Amino acid sequence: MIDYAIARCSATGGTVTRLERALARREAWIVDVAKADGSSLELFLRVAHEGDPANSAAALDKEASIVRALASTDVPVPGVLASDAKSHAVLFERVGGRTDLHNTAPSEQDVVYRHYLEVLASLHRLDPAHLDIGDLHWPVDARDCALAEVDMLAGGIKSFGPQPLARFGMSWLARHAPPVVDRIALVHGDAGIANFLFAESRVTAAIDWEWSHLGDPIEDLGGLCIHASFSPSGDWPALLRHYGDVSGTPVDLDKVFYYRVNNMARSVLALVPIRQRVNARDP
């Protein structure tokens, strides 16, 4: 996989001058390239692994497809320079910025969050039928919006025993699924701190699209609130009103609460197969 990145950079007339493992949940590498004309490229290499539920090739392929589709929209995303299906590698543009918004002053947090909510509103206004985003499941109603991703993840835990916490979460979500959806949109699926970059009080890129799917835009607001509770930041009553203003869609707080629970339950479901693979002796 790393050889692929080096070969790809060499084929474009460049020499790799930096190849460094990135601090990330899934395998990633920082790549710098010096070109013959004196210019340089700053790249980010993602590598997936077959059979790894935390870093699957299918999820990376979906992410690359969505990021490519969004490149021509108002949603800021990294460029996709190359991909290789055989080695499950994707070479992205490395966008400048940081992710630790919670470590900035409250006044800056709200400015950045307002811009991020404007980015999400732009995403949610896009017509998914006009985006080349592959064969994503199109929900048939509000209940399908709420439960399709949950059901997909639930299918991956059947062989791992009773899992009472996960099953309680699935049952609660099914009993309380919202009955109405205003519109079906492409959603990020895991919106919030760590999944966008910012610099000078502006969002420079929305990243980590592997959980993206078609659903209720309010799902992204629930995810945002969960991330902000893990990394305390933001004046959320005011920020949710801002999203309503810029999106033109009133924010249903009951739905925000539901999708907060939805985000947490999906995280539990996703961790079940990952936990089975953990080796305490791995570094």
C-alpha atoms as a PDB file:
ATOM      1  CA  MET A   1       0.000   0.000   0.000  1.00  0.00           C
ATOM      2  CA  ILE A   2       2.777   2.408   0.891  1.00  0.00           C
ATOM      3  CA  ASP A   3       4.626   1.366  -2.269  1.00  0.00           C
ATOM      4  CA  TYR A   4       1.515   2.319  -4.234  1.00  0.00           C
ATOM      5  CA  ALA A   5       1.605   5.866  -2.870  1.00  0.00           C
ATOM      6  CA  ILE A   6       5.305   6.241  -3.631  1.00  0.00           C
ATOM      7  CA  ALA A   7       4.814   4.859  -7.153  1.00  0.00           C
ATOM      8  CA  ARG A   8       1.829   7.103  -7.768  1.00  0.00           C
ATOM      9  CA  CYS A   9       3.744  10.194  -6.646  1.00  0.00           C
ATOM     10  CA  SER A  10       6.741   9.222  -8.756  1.00  0.00           C
ATOM     11  CA  ALA A  11       4.523   8.756 -11.805  1.00  0.00           C
ATOM     12  CA  THR A  12       3.435  12.392 -11.545  1.00  0.00           C
ATOM     13  CA  GLY A  13       7.029  13.596 -11.583  1.00  0.00           C
ATOM     14  CA  GLY A  14       7.480  13.859  -7.837  1.00  0.00           C
ATOM     15  CA  THR A  15       9.794  12.526  -5.160  1.00  0.00           C
ATOM     16  CA  VAL A  16       8.473  11.505  -1.759  1.00  0.00           C
ATOM     17  CA  THR A  17      10.308  13.563   0.862  1.00  0.00           C
ATOM     18  CA  ARG A  18       8.211  12.610   3.883  1.00  0.00           C
ATOM     19  CA  LEU A  19       6.356   9.425   4.762  1.00  0.00           C
ATOM     20  CA  GLU A  20       5.141   9.411   8.345  1.00  0.00           C
ATOM     21  CA  ARG A  21       2.454   7.417  10.135  1.00  0.00           C
ATOM     22  CA  ALA A  22      -0.408   9.713  11.113  1.00  0.00           C
ATOM     23  CA  LEU A  23      -2.044   9.713  14.530  1.00  0.00           C
ATOM     24  CA  ALA A  24      -5.459   8.445  13.475  1.00  0.00           C
ATOM     25  CA  ARG A  25      -7.980   5.764  14.416  1.00  0.00           C
ATOM     26  CA  ARG A  26      -7.473   4.011  11.067  1.00  0.00           C
ATOM     27  CA  GLU A  27      -4.247   3.467   9.163  1.00  0.00           C
ATOM     28  CA  ALA A  28      -3.133   6.715   7.567  1.00  0.00           C
ATOM     29  CA  TRP A  29       0.129   8.294   6.423  1.00  0.00           C
ATOM     30  CA  ILE A  30       1.369  11.837   5.954  1.00  0.00           C
ATOM     31  CA  VAL A  31       3.065  12.161   2.582  1.00  0.00           C
ATOM     32  CA  ASP A  32       5.046  15.143   1.257  1.00  0.00           C
ATOM     33  CA  VAL A  33       6.127  15.247  -2.372  1.00  0.00           C
ATOM     34  CA  ALA A  34       8.687  17.504  -4.063  1.00  0.00           C
ATOM     35  CA  LYS A  35       7.977  17.975  -7.762  1.00  0.00           C
ATOM     36  CA  ALA A  36      10.536  18.551 -10.503  1.00  0.00           C
ATOM     37  CA  ASP A  37       9.220  22.082 -11.154  1.00  0.00           C
ATOM     38  CA  GLY A  38      10.023  23.107  -7.576  1.00  0.00           C
ATOM     39  CA  SER A  39       6.451  22.909  -6.291  1.00  0.00           C
ATOM     40  CA  SER A  40       5.355  20.537  -3.567  1.00  0.00           C
ATOM     41  CA  LEU A  41       2.328  18.459  -2.616  1.00  0.00           C
ATOM     42  CA  GLU A  42       1.012  17.734   0.878  1.00  0.00           C
ATOM     43  CA  LEU A  43      -0.959  14.495   0.840  1.00  0.00           C
ATOM     44  CA  PHE A  44      -2.792  12.143   3.186  1.00  0.00           C
ATOM     45  CA  LEU A  45      -2.777   8.417   2.440  1.00  0.00           C
ATOM     46  CA  ARG A  46      -5.547   6.207   3.845  1.00  0.00           C
ATOM     47  CA  VAL A  47      -5.169   2.443   3.790  1.00  0.00           C
ATOM     48  CA  ALA A  48      -7.999   0.007   4.554  1.00  0.00           C
ATOM     49  CA  HIS A  49      -7.838  -3.693   5.399  1.00  0.00           C
ATOM     50  CA  GLU A  50     -10.212  -6.463   4.342  1.00  0.00           C
ATOM     51  CA  GLY A  51     -11.951  -8.046   7.301  1.00  0.00           C
ATOM     52  CA  ASP A  52     -11.218  -5.168   9.669  1.00  0.00           C
ATOM     53  CA  PRO A  53     -14.581  -3.819  10.918  1.00  0.00           C
ATOM     54  CA  ALA A  54     -12.904  -0.608  12.097  1.00  0.00           C
ATOM     55  CA  ASN A  55     -11.179   0.042   8.784  1.00  0.00           C
ATOM     56  CA  SER A  56     -12.946  -1.768   5.978  1.00  0.00           C
ATOM     57  CA  ALA A  57     -12.242  -1.358   2.293  1.00  0.00           C
ATOM     58  CA  ALA A  58     -15.960  -0.853   1.605  1.00  0.00           C
ATOM     59  CA  ALA A  59     -16.140   2.101   4.011  1.00  0.00           C
ATOM     60  CA  LEU A  60     -13.039   3.725   2.505  1.00  0.00           C
ATOM     61  CA  ASP A  61     -14.377   3.227  -1.029  1.00  0.00           C
ATOM     62  CA  LYS A  62     -17.656   4.851   0.015  1.00  0.00           C
ATOM     63  CA  GLU A  63     -15.823   7.760   1.633  1.00  0.00           C
ATOM     64  CA  ALA A  64     -13.713   8.372  -1.482  1.00  0.00           C
ATOM     65  CA  SER A  65     -16.812   8.246  -3.697  1.00  0.00           C
ATOM     66  CA  ILE A  66     -18.687  10.772  -1.553  1.00  0.00           C
ATOM     67  CA  VAL A  67     -15.723  13.134  -1.253  1.00  0.00           C
ATOM     68  CA  ARG A  68     -15.271  13.060  -5.050  1.00  0.00           C
ATOM     69  CA  ALA A  69     -18.960  13.836  -5.533  1.00  0.00           C
ATOM     70  CA  LEU A  70     -18.832  16.777  -3.110  1.00  0.00           C
ATOM     71  CA  ALA A  71     -15.744  18.333  -4.694  1.00  0.00           C
ATOM     72  CA  SER A  72     -17.867  20.431  -7.069  1.00  0.00           C
ATOM     73  CA  THR A  73     -20.280  21.641  -4.358  1.00  0.00           C
ATOM     74  CA  ASP A  74     -20.093  24.288  -1.635  1.00  0.00           C
ATOM     75  CA  VAL A  75     -19.103  21.646   0.931  1.00  0.00           C
ATOM     76  CA  PRO A  76     -15.336  21.930   1.577  1.00  0.00           C
ATOM     77  CA  VAL A  77     -13.667  18.520   1.295  1.00  0.00           C
ATOM     78  CA  PRO A  78     -10.143  17.290   0.549  1.00  0.00           C
ATOM     79  CA  GLY A  79      -9.344  16.478  -3.053  1.00  0.00           C
ATOM     80  CA  VAL A  80      -9.018  12.819  -4.022  1.00  0.00           C
ATOM     81  CA  LEU A  81      -5.847  12.468  -6.076  1.00  0.00           C
ATOM     82  CA  ALA A  82      -5.809   8.728  -6.661  1.00  0.00           C
ATOM     83  CA  SER A  83      -7.171   5.417  -5.432  1.00  0.00           C
ATOM     84  CA  ASP A  84      -6.200   1.787  -5.886  1.00  0.00           C
ATOM     85  CA  ALA A  85      -8.785  -0.948  -5.376  1.00  0.00           C
ATOM     86  CA  LYS A  86      -6.218  -3.755  -5.164  1.00  0.00           C
ATOM     87  CA  SER A  87      -4.292  -2.250  -2.245  1.00  0.00           C
ATOM     88  CA  HIS A  88      -7.350  -0.521  -0.709  1.00  0.00           C
ATOM     89  CA  ALA A  89      -5.507   2.801  -0.681  1.00  0.00           C
ATOM     90  CA  VAL A  90      -6.774   6.330  -1.316  1.00  0.00           C
ATOM     91  CA  LEU A  91      -4.518   9.363  -1.668  1.00  0.00           C
ATOM     92  CA  PHE A  92      -6.165  12.583  -0.471  1.00  0.00           C
ATOM     93  CA  GLU A  93      -5.069  16.191  -0.517  1.00  0.00           C
ATOM     94  CA  ARG A  94      -3.867  17.133   2.974  1.00  0.00           C
ATOM     95  CA  VAL A  95      -5.873  20.181   4.003  1.00  0.00           C
ATOM     96  CA  GLY A  96      -4.535  22.617   6.555  1.00  0.00           C
ATOM     97  CA  GLY A  97      -6.282  23.070   9.869  1.00  0.00           C
ATOM     98  CA  ARG A  98      -6.786  21.572  13.302  1.00  0.00           C
ATOM     99  CA  THR A  99      -9.536  19.510  14.923  1.00  0.00           C
ATOM    100  CA  ASP A 100      -9.363  20.433  18.620  1.00  0.00           C
ATOM    101  CA  LEU A 101     -12.007  23.159  18.673  1.00  0.00           C
ATOM    102  CA  HIS A 102     -12.692  22.465  22.348  1.00  0.00           C
ATOM    103  CA  ASN A 103      -9.209  23.807  23.136  1.00  0.00           C
ATOM    104  CA  THR A 104     -10.008  27.272  21.770  1.00  0.00           C
ATOM    105  CA  ALA A 105     -11.792  30.186  23.456  1.00  0.00           C
ATOM    106  CA  PRO A 106     -15.609  29.897  23.700  1.00  0.00           C
ATOM    107  CA  SER A 107     -16.018  32.898  21.412  1.00  0.00           C
ATOM    108  CA  GLU A 108     -14.009  31.174  18.659  1.00  0.00           C
ATOM    109  CA  GLN A 109     -15.819  27.890  19.207  1.00  0.00           C
ATOM    110  CA  ASP A 110     -19.173  29.459  18.379  1.00  0.00           C
ATOM    111  CA  VAL A 111     -17.823  31.264  15.308  1.00  0.00           C
ATOM    112  CA  VAL A 112     -16.381  28.017  13.920  1.00  0.00           C
ATOM    113  CA  TYR A 113     -19.463  26.026  14.838  1.00  0.00           C
ATOM    114  CA  ARG A 114     -21.691  28.555  13.064  1.00  0.00           C
ATOM    115  CA  HIS A 115     -19.629  28.128   9.908  1.00  0.00           C
ATOM    116  CA  TYR A 116     -19.705  24.335  10.266  1.00  0.00           C
ATOM    117  CA  LEU A 117     -23.496  24.425  10.623  1.00  0.00           C
ATOM    118  CA  GLU A 118     -23.629  26.496   7.428  1.00  0.00           C
ATOM    119  CA  VAL A 119     -21.510  23.811   5.736  1.00  0.00           C
ATOM    120  CA  LEU A 120     -23.916  21.128   6.972  1.00  0.00           C
ATOM    121  CA  ALA A 121     -26.891  23.166   5.773  1.00  0.00           C
ATOM    122  CA  SER A 122     -25.263  23.333   2.325  1.00  0.00           C
ATOM    123  CA  LEU A 123     -24.755  19.561   2.416  1.00  0.00           C
ATOM    124  CA  HIS A 124     -28.356  18.938   3.430  1.00  0.00           C
ATOM    125  CA  ARG A 125     -29.694  21.182   0.642  1.00  0.00           C
ATOM    126  CA  LEU A 126     -28.021  19.061  -2.062  1.00  0.00           C
ATOM    127  CA  ASP A 127     -30.266  16.764  -4.069  1.00  0.00           C
ATOM    128  CA  PRO A 128     -28.781  13.273  -3.568  1.00  0.00           C
ATOM    129  CA  ALA A 129     -30.287  12.147  -6.871  1.00  0.00           C
ATOM    130  CA  HIS A 130     -27.887  14.520  -8.644  1.00  0.00           C
ATOM    131  CA  LEU A 131     -24.772  13.291  -6.830  1.00  0.00           C
ATOM    132  CA  ASP A 132     -22.585  10.432  -8.033  1.00  0.00           C
ATOM    133  CA  ILE A 133     -22.450   8.725  -4.638  1.00  0.00           C
ATOM    134  CA  GLY A 134     -22.868   5.101  -5.594  1.00  0.00           C
ATOM    135  CA  ASP A 135     -25.607   2.744  -4.518  1.00  0.00           C
ATOM    136  CA  LEU A 136     -26.547   4.188  -1.132  1.00  0.00           C
ATOM    137  CA  HIS A 137     -29.727   2.947   0.500  1.00  0.00           C
ATOM    138  CA  TRP A 138     -32.585   5.408  -0.090  1.00  0.00           C
ATOM    139  CA  PRO A 139     -34.879   5.429   2.989  1.00  0.00           C
ATOM    140  CA  VAL A 140     -38.565   4.979   2.283  1.00  0.00           C
ATOM    141  CA  ASP A 141     -39.813   6.944   5.309  1.00  0.00           C
ATOM    142  CA  ALA A 142     -38.813   8.567   8.614  1.00  0.00           C
ATOM    143  CA  ARG A 143     -38.572   5.229  10.405  1.00  0.00           C
ATOM    144  CA  ASP A 144     -36.225   3.889   7.737  1.00  0.00           C
ATOM    145  CA  CYS A 145     -34.099   7.046   8.107  1.00  0.00           C
ATOM    146  CA  ALA A 146     -33.803   6.357  11.821  1.00  0.00           C
ATOM    147  CA  LEU A 147     -33.180   2.616  11.745  1.00  0.00           C
ATOM    148  CA  ALA A 148     -31.543   1.563   8.459  1.00  0.00           C
ATOM    149  CA  GLU A 149     -27.977   2.194   9.682  1.00  0.00           C
ATOM    150  CA  VAL A 150     -28.817   0.694  13.086  1.00  0.00           C
ATOM    151  CA  ASP A 151     -30.154  -2.471  11.445  1.00  0.00           C
ATOM    152  CA  MET A 152     -27.085  -2.734   9.230  1.00  0.00           C
ATOM    153  CA  LEU A 153     -24.754  -2.553  12.225  1.00  0.00           C
ATOM    154  CA  ALA A 154     -26.963  -4.938  14.199  1.00  0.00           C
ATOM    155  CA  GLY A 155     -26.398  -7.566  11.530  1.00  0.00           C
ATOM    156  CA  GLY A 156     -22.720  -7.579  12.450  1.00  0.00           C
ATOM    157  CA  ILE A 157     -23.201  -8.541  16.113  1.00  0.00           C
ATOM    158  CA  LYS A 158     -25.395 -11.633  15.777  1.00  0.00           C
ATOM    159  CA  SER A 159     -22.513 -14.067  16.288  1.00  0.00           C
ATOM    160  CA  PHE A 160     -21.106 -12.317  19.371  1.00  0.00           C
ATOM    161  CA  GLY A 161     -23.475 -13.435  22.110  1.00  0.00           C
ATOM    162  CA  PRO A 162     -26.406 -11.707  23.853  1.00  0.00           C
ATOM    163  CA  GLN A 163     -25.011  -8.118  23.900  1.00  0.00           C
ATOM    164  CA  PRO A 164     -27.755  -6.814  26.263  1.00  0.00           C
ATOM    165  CA  LEU A 165     -26.674  -3.144  26.134  1.00  0.00           C
ATOM    166  CA  ALA A 166     -26.656  -3.086  22.338  1.00  0.00           C
ATOM    167  CA  ARG A 167     -30.005  -4.856  22.150  1.00  0.00           C
ATOM    168  CA  PHE A 168     -31.572  -2.478  24.664  1.00  0.00           C
ATOM    169  CA  GLY A 169     -30.366   0.432  22.538  1.00  0.00           C
ATOM    170  CA  MET A 170     -31.848  -1.079  19.365  1.00  0.00           C
ATOM    171  CA  SER A 171     -35.157  -1.696  21.110  1.00  0.00           C
ATOM    172  CA  TRP A 172     -35.332   1.866  22.468  1.00  0.00           C
ATOM    173  CA  LEU A 173     -34.529   3.356  19.064  1.00  0.00           C
ATOM    174  CA  ALA A 174     -37.220   1.257  17.363  1.00  0.00           C
ATOM    175  CA  ARG A 175     -39.854   2.261  19.946  1.00  0.00           C
ATOM    176  CA  HIS A 176     -39.058   5.968  19.698  1.00  0.00           C
ATOM    177  CA  ALA A 177     -38.260   6.389  15.988  1.00  0.00           C
ATOM    178  CA  PRO A 178     -39.502   9.782  14.689  1.00  0.00           C
ATOM    179  CA  PRO A 179     -42.701   9.452  12.621  1.00  0.00           C
ATOM    180  CA  VAL A 180     -41.945  12.301  10.199  1.00  0.00           C
ATOM    181  CA  VAL A 181     -38.958  13.419   8.119  1.00  0.00           C
ATOM    182  CA  ASP A 182     -39.013  16.805   6.352  1.00  0.00           C
ATOM    183  CA  ARG A 183     -36.593  15.746   3.635  1.00  0.00           C
ATOM    184  CA  ILE A 184     -34.123  12.982   2.870  1.00  0.00           C
ATOM    185  CA  ALA A 185     -30.595  14.285   2.403  1.00  0.00           C
ATOM    186  CA  LEU A 186     -27.004  13.155   2.289  1.00  0.00           C
ATOM    187  CA  VAL A 187     -25.852  13.322   5.906  1.00  0.00           C
ATOM    188  CA  HIS A 188     -22.336  13.109   7.285  1.00  0.00           C
ATOM    189  CA  GLY A 189     -23.408  10.498   9.816  1.00  0.00           C
ATOM    190  CA  ASP A 190     -20.766  11.378  12.425  1.00  0.00           C
ATOM    191  CA  ALA A 191     -20.701  15.167  12.391  1.00  0.00           C
ATOM    192  CA  GLY A 192     -18.710  16.999  15.041  1.00  0.00           C
ATOM    193  CA  ILE A 193     -15.332  17.654  16.604  1.00  0.00           C
ATOM    194  CA  ALA A 194     -12.506  15.577  15.094  1.00  0.00           C
ATOM    195  CA  ASN A 195     -14.416  15.211  11.832  1.00  0.00           C
ATOM    196  CA  PHE A 196     -13.801  18.690  10.485  1.00  0.00           C
ATOM    197  CA  LEU A 197     -10.720  20.891  10.176  1.00  0.00           C
ATOM    198  CA  PHE A 198     -10.660  24.605  10.913  1.00  0.00           C
ATOM    199  CA  ALA A 199      -8.217  27.504  10.667  1.00  0.00           C
ATOM    200  CA  GLU A 200      -8.640  31.224  11.295  1.00  0.00           C
ATOM    201  CA  SER A 201     -12.181  30.633  12.582  1.00  0.00           C
ATOM    202  CA  ARG A 202     -13.329  28.949   9.360  1.00  0.00           C
ATOM    203  CA  VAL A 203     -13.925  25.323   8.459  1.00  0.00           C
ATOM    204  CA  THR A 204     -11.312  24.250   5.920  1.00  0.00           C
ATOM    205  CA  ALA A 205     -12.630  20.732   5.276  1.00  0.00           C
ATOM    206  CA  ALA A 206     -15.231  18.234   6.412  1.00  0.00           C
ATOM    207  CA  ILE A 207     -13.484  14.868   6.761  1.00  0.00           C
ATOM    208  CA  ASP A 208     -14.125  11.223   7.751  1.00  0.00           C
ATOM    209  CA  TRP A 209     -17.168  10.403   5.628  1.00  0.00           C
ATOM    210  CA  GLU A 210     -17.208   6.632   6.187  1.00  0.00           C
ATOM    211  CA  TRP A 211     -20.515   6.795   8.130  1.00  0.00           C
ATOM    212  CA  SER A 212     -22.201   9.010   5.556  1.00  0.00           C
ATOM    213  CA  HIS A 213     -25.565   7.887   4.176  1.00  0.00           C
ATOM    214  CA  LEU A 214     -28.987   9.169   3.163  1.00  0.00           C
ATOM    215  CA  GLY A 215     -31.195  10.153   6.058  1.00  0.00           C
ATOM    216  CA  ASP A 216     -32.767  12.904   8.153  1.00  0.00           C
ATOM    217  CA  PRO A 217     -30.591  16.058   8.342  1.00  0.00           C
ATOM    218  CA  ILE A 218     -31.409  16.342  12.043  1.00  0.00           C
ATOM    219  CA  GLU A 219     -29.216  13.255  12.563  1.00  0.00           C
ATOM    220  CA  ASP A 220     -26.135  15.423  12.010  1.00  0.00           C
ATOM    221  CA  LEU A 221     -27.292  17.866  14.682  1.00  0.00           C
ATOM    222  CA  GLY A 222     -27.638  15.008  17.155  1.00  0.00           C
ATOM    223  CA  GLY A 223     -24.139  13.821  16.287  1.00  0.00           C
ATOM    224  CA  LEU A 224     -22.771  17.320  16.729  1.00  0.00           C
ATOM    225  CA  CYS A 225     -24.257  17.586  20.201  1.00  0.00           C
ATOM    226  CA  ILE A 226     -22.796  14.209  21.208  1.00  0.00           C
ATOM    227  CA  HIS A 227     -19.313  15.169  20.013  1.00  0.00           C
ATOM    228  CA  ALA A 228     -19.611  18.491  21.841  1.00  0.00           C
ATOM    229  CA  SER A 229     -20.514  16.666  25.069  1.00  0.00           C
ATOM    230  CA  PHE A 230     -17.401  14.479  24.774  1.00  0.00           C
ATOM    231  CA  SER A 231     -15.292  17.594  24.098  1.00  0.00           C
ATOM    232  CA  PRO A 232     -17.244  20.343  25.882  1.00  0.00           C
ATOM    233  CA  SER A 233     -17.744  23.279  23.534  1.00  0.00           C
ATOM    234  CA  GLY A 234     -20.355  25.524  21.998  1.00  0.00           C
ATOM    235  CA  ASP A 235     -23.528  27.371  23.021  1.00  0.00           C
ATOM    236  CA  TRP A 236     -25.923  24.819  21.587  1.00  0.00           C
ATOM    237  CA  PRO A 237     -29.308  26.498  22.105  1.00  0.00           C
ATOM    238  CA  ALA A 238     -28.040  29.436  20.035  1.00  0.00           C
ATOM    239  CA  LEU A 239     -26.185  27.229  17.547  1.00  0.00           C
ATOM    240  CA  LEU A 240     -29.216  25.064  16.834  1.00  0.00           C
ATOM    241  CA  ARG A 241     -31.244  28.215  16.190  1.00  0.00           C
ATOM    242  CA  HIS A 242     -28.518  29.310  13.752  1.00  0.00           C
ATOM    243  CA  TYR A 243     -28.836  26.056  11.814  1.00  0.00           C
ATOM    244  CA  GLY A 244     -32.598  26.593  11.619  1.00  0.00           C
ATOM    245  CA  ASP A 245     -32.055  30.112  10.293  1.00  0.00           C
ATOM    246  CA  VAL A 246     -29.500  29.203   7.603  1.00  0.00           C
ATOM    247  CA  SER A 247     -31.169  25.946   6.540  1.00  0.00           C
ATOM    248  CA  GLY A 248     -34.716  27.251   6.537  1.00  0.00           C
ATOM    249  CA  THR A 249     -35.752  24.141   8.486  1.00  0.00           C
ATOM    250  CA  PRO A 250     -37.042  24.490  12.063  1.00  0.00           C
ATOM    251  CA  VAL A 251     -35.038  22.353  14.483  1.00  0.00           C
ATOM    252  CA  ASP A 252     -37.136  19.738  16.262  1.00  0.00           C
ATOM    253  CA  LEU A 253     -35.427  19.338  19.649  1.00  0.00           C
ATOM    254  CA  ASP A 254     -37.118  15.994  20.297  1.00  0.00           C
ATOM    255  CA  LYS A 255     -35.511  14.706  17.099  1.00  0.00           C
ATOM    256  CA  VAL A 256     -32.128  16.105  18.118  1.00  0.00           C
ATOM    257  CA  PHE A 257     -32.437  14.185  21.385  1.00  0.00           C
ATOM    258  CA  TYR A 258     -33.426  11.011  19.532  1.00  0.00           C
ATOM    259  CA  TYR A 259     -30.458  11.241  17.167  1.00  0.00           C
ATOM    260  CA  ARG A 260     -28.110  11.844  20.098  1.00  0.00           C
ATOM    261  CA  VAL A 261     -29.177   8.454  21.427  1.00  0.00           C
ATOM    262  CA  ASN A 262     -29.021   7.025  17.902  1.00  0.00           C
ATOM    263  CA  ASN A 263     -25.400   8.148  17.500  1.00  0.00           C
ATOM    264  CA  MET A 264     -24.371   6.612  20.823  1.00  0.00           C
ATOM    265  CA  ALA A 265     -26.203   3.341  20.149  1.00  0.00           C
ATOM    266  CA  ARG A 266     -24.619   2.988  16.703  1.00  0.00           C
ATOM    267  CA  SER A 267     -21.223   3.521  18.310  1.00  0.00           C
ATOM    268  CA  VAL A 268     -21.894   0.660  20.731  1.00  0.00           C
ATOM    269  CA  LEU A 269     -23.014  -1.590  17.862  1.00  0.00           C
ATOM    270  CA  ALA A 270     -19.954  -0.714  15.788  1.00  0.00           C
ATOM    271  CA  LEU A 271     -17.625  -1.469  18.707  1.00  0.00           C
ATOM    272  CA  VAL A 272     -18.901  -5.014  19.293  1.00  0.00           C
ATOM    273  CA  PRO A 273     -17.053  -6.695  16.376  1.00  0.00           C
ATOM    274  CA  ILE A 274     -14.078  -4.390  16.860  1.00  0.00           C
ATOM    275  CA  ARG A 275     -13.783  -5.426  20.505  1.00  0.00           C
ATOM    276  CA  GLN A 276     -13.691  -9.092  19.510  1.00  0.00           C
ATOM    277  CA  ARG A 277     -10.542  -8.425  17.447  1.00  0.00           C
ATOM    278  CA  VAL A 278      -8.659  -6.481  20.108  1.00  0.00           C
ATOM    279  CA  ASN A 279      -5.433  -8.112  21.235  1.00  0.00           C
ATOM    280  CA  ALA A 280      -4.172  -6.707  24.517  1.00  0.00           C
ATOM    281  CA  ARG A 281      -0.637  -7.502  23.396  1.00  0.00           C
ATOM    282  CA  ASP A 282      -0.852  -5.314  20.307  1.00  0.00           C
ATOM    283  CA  PRO A 283       1.111  -2.045  20.687  1.00  0.00           C
END
